[in-house]
Amino acid sequence: MGCHIIWCPKYRRNVLQPDVAVRLKELLYEKASDIGVVIEVMEIMPDHLHLFVKTKPTASPHWVIQQFKGYTSRILRQEFSTLRTRLPTLWTRSYYCESCGHISDEIVKKYIEDQKKN
C-alpha cells in the first residue's frame, strides 16, 4: 500500500536545518529497512517533511508513523542538543496520511519533489 505522509516539528519550528535534515534522512531510511517499509521519495523542509512510502497491507499507517517519529525523535534529540532545549518534544502528535491507490505513484512522487522548489 502506498501512503503520502506529512508531519511537522512541534510548533512548526524551523529546526530541520541541513545538518539535522541529513541525519533525519539517514535515520528514516534505517528505520524503514528495519520495519519492512520502502521509502519511495522523501523531501525535508525546515518546518515539515513529506514521505511517500510503500508498506505491507498488514502494517497500519499509524504504526509506521509512530515507528518513524519515535525513533527519529529519540536519536535526533540525543545528537542535537538544540532540539532538547528549544522544544519540549521534537514532533507534533498529529500527522497527515493519505493512501494513494486512486492516483499513480508518479504523480505523488512529482508532487513531493516539487514541494522543495516552492
N, C-alpha and C. Protein backbone atom coordinates (compact mmCIF):
# COMPACT_ATOMS: atom_id res chain seq x y z
N MET A 1 0.85 -1.18 0.00
CA MET A 1 0.00 0.00 0.00
C MET A 1 0.89 1.24 0.00
N GLY A 2 0.59 2.21 -0.84
CA GLY A 2 1.34 3.45 -0.90
C GLY A 2 0.67 4.53 -0.06
N CYS A 3 1.48 5.25 0.72
CA CYS A 3 0.96 6.32 1.58
C CYS A 3 1.81 7.57 1.44
N HIS A 4 1.14 8.70 1.33
CA HIS A 4 1.79 10.00 1.39
C HIS A 4 1.63 10.49 2.83
N ILE A 5 2.76 10.75 3.49
CA ILE A 5 2.77 11.12 4.90
C ILE A 5 3.45 12.47 5.08
N ILE A 6 2.86 13.31 5.92
CA ILE A 6 3.45 14.61 6.26
C ILE A 6 3.38 14.77 7.77
N TRP A 7 4.45 15.27 8.37
CA TRP A 7 4.38 15.70 9.76
C TRP A 7 5.37 16.83 10.01
N CYS A 8 5.19 17.50 11.14
CA CYS A 8 5.93 18.73 11.46
C CYS A 8 6.60 18.63 12.82
N PRO A 9 7.65 19.44 13.00
CA PRO A 9 8.19 19.60 14.35
C PRO A 9 7.18 20.34 15.23
N LYS A 10 7.31 20.17 16.53
CA LYS A 10 6.44 20.86 17.49
C LYS A 10 6.46 22.36 17.20
N TYR A 11 5.30 22.97 17.24
CA TYR A 11 5.09 24.40 16.97
C TYR A 11 5.52 24.80 15.56
N ARG A 12 5.70 23.83 14.71
CA ARG A 12 6.16 24.02 13.32
C ARG A 12 7.42 24.91 13.25
N ARG A 13 8.29 24.68 14.17
CA ARG A 13 9.56 25.42 14.22
C ARG A 13 10.47 24.98 13.08
N ASN A 14 11.31 25.89 12.63
CA ASN A 14 12.25 25.62 11.55
C ASN A 14 13.52 24.94 12.08
N VAL A 15 13.38 23.76 12.63
CA VAL A 15 14.52 23.08 13.24
C VAL A 15 15.15 22.02 12.33
N LEU A 16 14.53 21.73 11.20
CA LEU A 16 15.06 20.70 10.30
C LEU A 16 16.03 21.34 9.32
N GLN A 17 17.05 21.97 9.87
CA GLN A 17 18.09 22.63 9.08
C GLN A 17 18.98 21.56 8.46
N PRO A 18 19.86 21.96 7.51
CA PRO A 18 20.60 20.96 6.73
C PRO A 18 21.28 19.85 7.53
N ASP A 19 21.97 20.17 8.61
CA ASP A 19 22.66 19.11 9.36
C ASP A 19 21.68 18.14 10.00
N VAL A 20 20.59 18.66 10.56
CA VAL A 20 19.56 17.81 11.16
C VAL A 20 18.83 17.04 10.06
N ALA A 21 18.55 17.70 8.95
CA ALA A 21 17.81 17.05 7.85
C ALA A 21 18.59 15.87 7.27
N VAL A 22 19.89 16.02 7.12
CA VAL A 22 20.71 14.93 6.59
C VAL A 22 20.64 13.73 7.53
N ARG A 23 20.78 13.98 8.82
CA ARG A 23 20.74 12.88 9.80
C ARG A 23 19.34 12.27 9.86
N LEU A 24 18.30 13.12 9.80
CA LEU A 24 16.93 12.63 9.80
C LEU A 24 16.69 11.69 8.63
N LYS A 25 17.17 12.07 7.47
CA LYS A 25 17.00 11.23 6.28
C LYS A 25 17.67 9.86 6.48
N GLU A 26 18.89 9.87 7.02
CA GLU A 26 19.58 8.60 7.29
C GLU A 26 18.78 7.72 8.25
N LEU A 27 18.27 8.34 9.32
CA LEU A 27 17.53 7.59 10.33
C LEU A 27 16.22 7.02 9.77
N LEU A 28 15.54 7.80 8.93
CA LEU A 28 14.29 7.31 8.36
C LEU A 28 14.52 6.11 7.44
N TYR A 29 15.57 6.18 6.61
CA TYR A 29 15.87 5.03 5.75
C TYR A 29 16.27 3.81 6.59
N GLU A 30 17.02 4.05 7.65
CA GLU A 30 17.43 2.96 8.54
C GLU A 30 16.22 2.29 9.18
N LYS A 31 15.31 3.10 9.73
CA LYS A 31 14.12 2.55 10.39
C LYS A 31 13.21 1.86 9.38
N ALA A 32 13.07 2.45 8.20
CA ALA A 32 12.23 1.85 7.16
C ALA A 32 12.72 0.45 6.83
N SER A 33 14.02 0.31 6.70
CA SER A 33 14.60 -1.00 6.42
C SER A 33 14.31 -1.99 7.55
N ASP A 34 14.40 -1.52 8.78
CA ASP A 34 14.15 -2.38 9.95
C ASP A 34 12.72 -2.89 10.01
N ILE A 35 11.76 -2.06 9.60
CA ILE A 35 10.34 -2.44 9.75
C ILE A 35 9.70 -2.90 8.45
N GLY A 36 10.48 -3.03 7.38
CA GLY A 36 9.96 -3.55 6.13
C GLY A 36 9.14 -2.56 5.32
N VAL A 37 9.51 -1.29 5.40
CA VAL A 37 8.84 -0.23 4.65
C VAL A 37 9.81 0.29 3.60
N VAL A 38 9.30 0.62 2.42
CA VAL A 38 10.13 1.20 1.37
C VAL A 38 9.78 2.67 1.24
N ILE A 39 10.79 3.54 1.39
CA ILE A 39 10.58 4.97 1.18
C ILE A 39 10.85 5.24 -0.29
N GLU A 40 9.81 5.59 -1.02
CA GLU A 40 9.93 5.86 -2.45
C GLU A 40 10.54 7.24 -2.71
N VAL A 41 10.07 8.22 -1.95
CA VAL A 41 10.59 9.58 -2.09
C VAL A 41 10.42 10.30 -0.76
N MET A 42 11.36 11.23 -0.49
CA MET A 42 11.33 11.98 0.76
C MET A 42 11.83 13.39 0.49
N GLU A 43 11.15 14.37 1.04
CA GLU A 43 11.62 15.76 1.00
C GLU A 43 11.50 16.32 2.40
N ILE A 44 12.57 16.95 2.86
CA ILE A 44 12.58 17.54 4.19
C ILE A 44 12.76 19.05 4.05
N MET A 45 11.77 19.79 4.52
CA MET A 45 11.83 21.24 4.57
C MET A 45 12.14 21.64 6.01
N PRO A 46 12.53 22.89 6.26
CA PRO A 46 12.87 23.29 7.63
C PRO A 46 11.76 23.07 8.65
N ASP A 47 10.49 23.13 8.21
CA ASP A 47 9.39 23.05 9.18
C ASP A 47 8.42 21.88 8.97
N HIS A 48 8.72 20.99 8.04
CA HIS A 48 7.90 19.79 7.86
C HIS A 48 8.59 18.83 6.89
N LEU A 49 8.06 17.61 6.79
CA LEU A 49 8.62 16.67 5.84
C LEU A 49 7.51 15.88 5.16
N HIS A 50 7.82 15.45 3.95
CA HIS A 50 6.91 14.62 3.14
C HIS A 50 7.60 13.28 2.89
N LEU A 51 6.84 12.21 3.00
CA LEU A 51 7.32 10.88 2.66
C LEU A 51 6.27 10.21 1.77
N PHE A 52 6.74 9.44 0.82
CA PHE A 52 5.86 8.53 0.09
C PHE A 52 6.43 7.16 0.34
N VAL A 53 5.66 6.33 1.05
CA VAL A 53 6.15 5.01 1.46
C VAL A 53 5.27 3.91 0.91
N LYS A 54 5.87 2.74 0.77
CA LYS A 54 5.14 1.52 0.42
C LYS A 54 5.24 0.58 1.61
N THR A 55 4.09 0.09 2.05
CA THR A 55 4.06 -0.79 3.21
C THR A 55 3.32 -2.08 2.86
N LYS A 56 3.49 -3.06 3.71
CA LYS A 56 2.69 -4.28 3.59
C LYS A 56 1.26 -3.93 3.99
N PRO A 57 0.28 -4.59 3.41
CA PRO A 57 -1.11 -4.30 3.79
C PRO A 57 -1.39 -4.52 5.27
N THR A 58 -0.58 -5.35 5.93
CA THR A 58 -0.81 -5.62 7.35
C THR A 58 -0.24 -4.54 8.27
N ALA A 59 0.59 -3.65 7.74
CA ALA A 59 1.18 -2.58 8.56
C ALA A 59 0.29 -1.35 8.50
N SER A 60 -0.25 -0.96 9.63
CA SER A 60 -1.12 0.22 9.63
C SER A 60 -0.27 1.48 9.48
N PRO A 61 -0.78 2.46 8.75
CA PRO A 61 -0.05 3.73 8.60
C PRO A 61 0.28 4.36 9.96
N HIS A 62 -0.65 4.28 10.91
CA HIS A 62 -0.41 4.86 12.23
C HIS A 62 0.81 4.22 12.89
N TRP A 63 0.91 2.90 12.82
CA TRP A 63 2.05 2.19 13.40
C TRP A 63 3.35 2.61 12.72
N VAL A 64 3.35 2.70 11.39
CA VAL A 64 4.55 3.10 10.65
C VAL A 64 4.99 4.49 11.08
N ILE A 65 4.06 5.42 11.17
CA ILE A 65 4.39 6.79 11.55
C ILE A 65 4.91 6.84 12.99
N GLN A 66 4.29 6.09 13.89
CA GLN A 66 4.78 6.02 15.28
C GLN A 66 6.22 5.53 15.31
N GLN A 67 6.52 4.52 14.52
CA GLN A 67 7.88 3.98 14.47
C GLN A 67 8.86 5.04 13.99
N PHE A 68 8.52 5.73 12.92
CA PHE A 68 9.40 6.77 12.38
C PHE A 68 9.59 7.92 13.37
N LYS A 69 8.50 8.43 13.90
CA LYS A 69 8.59 9.60 14.78
C LYS A 69 9.29 9.27 16.10
N GLY A 70 8.97 8.14 16.69
CA GLY A 70 9.61 7.78 17.96
C GLY A 70 11.10 7.56 17.82
N TYR A 71 11.49 6.82 16.81
CA TYR A 71 12.91 6.51 16.58
C TYR A 71 13.71 7.77 16.28
N THR A 72 13.21 8.58 15.34
CA THR A 72 13.97 9.76 14.95
C THR A 72 14.02 10.80 16.06
N SER A 73 12.94 10.96 16.81
CA SER A 73 12.93 11.93 17.90
C SER A 73 13.98 11.57 18.94
N ARG A 74 14.00 10.33 19.35
CA ARG A 74 14.93 9.91 20.39
C ARG A 74 16.38 10.15 19.98
N ILE A 75 16.74 9.74 18.78
CA ILE A 75 18.13 9.84 18.35
C ILE A 75 18.51 11.29 18.03
N LEU A 76 17.66 12.01 17.32
CA LEU A 76 18.00 13.40 16.98
C LEU A 76 18.14 14.26 18.23
N ARG A 77 17.28 14.05 19.22
CA ARG A 77 17.38 14.85 20.45
C ARG A 77 18.63 14.47 21.26
N GLN A 78 19.12 13.25 21.12
CA GLN A 78 20.38 12.87 21.76
C GLN A 78 21.57 13.53 21.06
N GLU A 79 21.50 13.59 19.73
CA GLU A 79 22.64 14.06 18.95
C GLU A 79 22.69 15.58 18.76
N PHE A 80 21.54 16.25 18.82
CA PHE A 80 21.48 17.70 18.62
C PHE A 80 20.86 18.34 19.85
N SER A 81 21.69 18.91 20.70
CA SER A 81 21.20 19.44 21.98
C SER A 81 20.20 20.58 21.79
N THR A 82 20.29 21.32 20.69
CA THR A 82 19.33 22.41 20.48
C THR A 82 17.91 21.89 20.35
N LEU A 83 17.75 20.66 19.89
CA LEU A 83 16.41 20.09 19.78
C LEU A 83 15.82 19.76 21.15
N ARG A 84 16.68 19.56 22.13
CA ARG A 84 16.20 19.32 23.50
C ARG A 84 15.86 20.64 24.19
N THR A 85 16.63 21.67 23.92
CA THR A 85 16.43 22.94 24.63
C THR A 85 15.35 23.82 24.00
N ARG A 86 15.15 23.71 22.70
CA ARG A 86 14.18 24.58 22.02
C ARG A 86 12.76 24.05 22.03
N LEU A 87 12.60 22.74 22.20
CA LEU A 87 11.28 22.12 22.09
C LEU A 87 11.05 21.10 23.20
N PRO A 88 9.83 21.03 23.73
CA PRO A 88 9.54 20.01 24.75
C PRO A 88 9.54 18.60 24.15
N THR A 89 9.12 18.47 22.90
CA THR A 89 9.20 17.23 22.13
C THR A 89 9.56 17.62 20.71
N LEU A 90 10.14 16.72 19.96
CA LEU A 90 10.55 17.08 18.60
C LEU A 90 9.36 17.19 17.66
N TRP A 91 8.47 16.21 17.69
CA TRP A 91 7.38 16.17 16.72
C TRP A 91 6.04 16.53 17.35
N THR A 92 5.14 17.06 16.52
CA THR A 92 3.76 17.23 16.96
C THR A 92 3.13 15.84 17.08
N ARG A 93 2.03 15.76 17.78
CA ARG A 93 1.35 14.47 17.88
C ARG A 93 0.56 14.16 16.61
N SER A 94 0.29 15.16 15.81
CA SER A 94 -0.53 14.96 14.62
C SER A 94 0.33 14.66 13.39
N TYR A 95 -0.35 14.24 12.34
CA TYR A 95 0.29 13.97 11.05
C TYR A 95 -0.81 13.91 10.00
N TYR A 96 -0.39 13.95 8.74
CA TYR A 96 -1.31 13.77 7.62
C TYR A 96 -0.89 12.49 6.92
N CYS A 97 -1.84 11.66 6.59
CA CYS A 97 -1.55 10.42 5.87
C CYS A 97 -2.67 10.16 4.88
N GLU A 98 -2.30 9.93 3.63
CA GLU A 98 -3.28 9.63 2.60
C GLU A 98 -2.84 8.38 1.85
N SER A 99 -3.73 7.42 1.74
CA SER A 99 -3.41 6.27 0.90
C SER A 99 -3.51 6.72 -0.55
N CYS A 100 -2.66 6.17 -1.38
CA CYS A 100 -2.53 6.68 -2.74
C CYS A 100 -2.89 5.65 -3.79
N GLY A 101 -3.93 4.89 -3.57
CA GLY A 101 -4.36 3.91 -4.54
C GLY A 101 -5.13 4.52 -5.70
N HIS A 102 -5.69 5.70 -5.49
CA HIS A 102 -6.54 6.32 -6.51
C HIS A 102 -5.76 7.19 -7.49
N ILE A 103 -4.47 7.43 -7.24
CA ILE A 103 -3.64 8.18 -8.18
C ILE A 103 -2.33 7.43 -8.38
N SER A 104 -1.63 7.74 -9.45
CA SER A 104 -0.41 6.99 -9.76
C SER A 104 0.73 7.39 -8.83
N ASP A 105 1.65 6.47 -8.65
CA ASP A 105 2.84 6.73 -7.83
C ASP A 105 3.64 7.90 -8.37
N GLU A 106 3.71 8.02 -9.69
CA GLU A 106 4.49 9.08 -10.31
C GLU A 106 3.95 10.46 -9.96
N ILE A 107 2.63 10.59 -9.91
CA ILE A 107 2.02 11.88 -9.56
C ILE A 107 2.38 12.25 -8.12
N VAL A 108 2.31 11.30 -7.21
CA VAL A 108 2.65 11.56 -5.81
C VAL A 108 4.13 11.93 -5.69
N LYS A 109 4.99 11.18 -6.35
CA LYS A 109 6.43 11.46 -6.30
C LYS A 109 6.73 12.85 -6.84
N LYS A 110 6.12 13.22 -7.96
CA LYS A 110 6.35 14.54 -8.54
C LYS A 110 5.87 15.63 -7.59
N TYR A 111 4.71 15.44 -6.99
CA TYR A 111 4.18 16.43 -6.04
C TYR A 111 5.15 16.64 -4.88
N ILE A 112 5.65 15.55 -4.31
CA ILE A 112 6.57 15.66 -3.17
C ILE A 112 7.88 16.32 -3.58
N GLU A 113 8.42 15.92 -4.72
CA GLU A 113 9.67 16.52 -5.19
C GLU A 113 9.50 18.00 -5.47
N ASP A 114 8.32 18.41 -5.95
CA ASP A 114 8.06 19.82 -6.24
C ASP A 114 7.91 20.66 -4.97
N GLN A 115 7.66 20.05 -3.83
CA GLN A 115 7.49 20.81 -2.59
C GLN A 115 8.75 21.57 -2.22
N LYS A 116 9.90 21.01 -2.48
CA LYS A 116 11.18 21.66 -2.16
C LYS A 116 11.39 22.91 -3.01
N LYS A 117 10.85 22.90 -4.22
CA LYS A 117 11.03 24.03 -5.14
C LYS A 117 10.18 25.23 -4.75
N ASN A 118 9.06 24.98 -4.08
CA ASN A 118 8.14 26.07 -3.75
C ASN A 118 8.49 26.74 -2.47
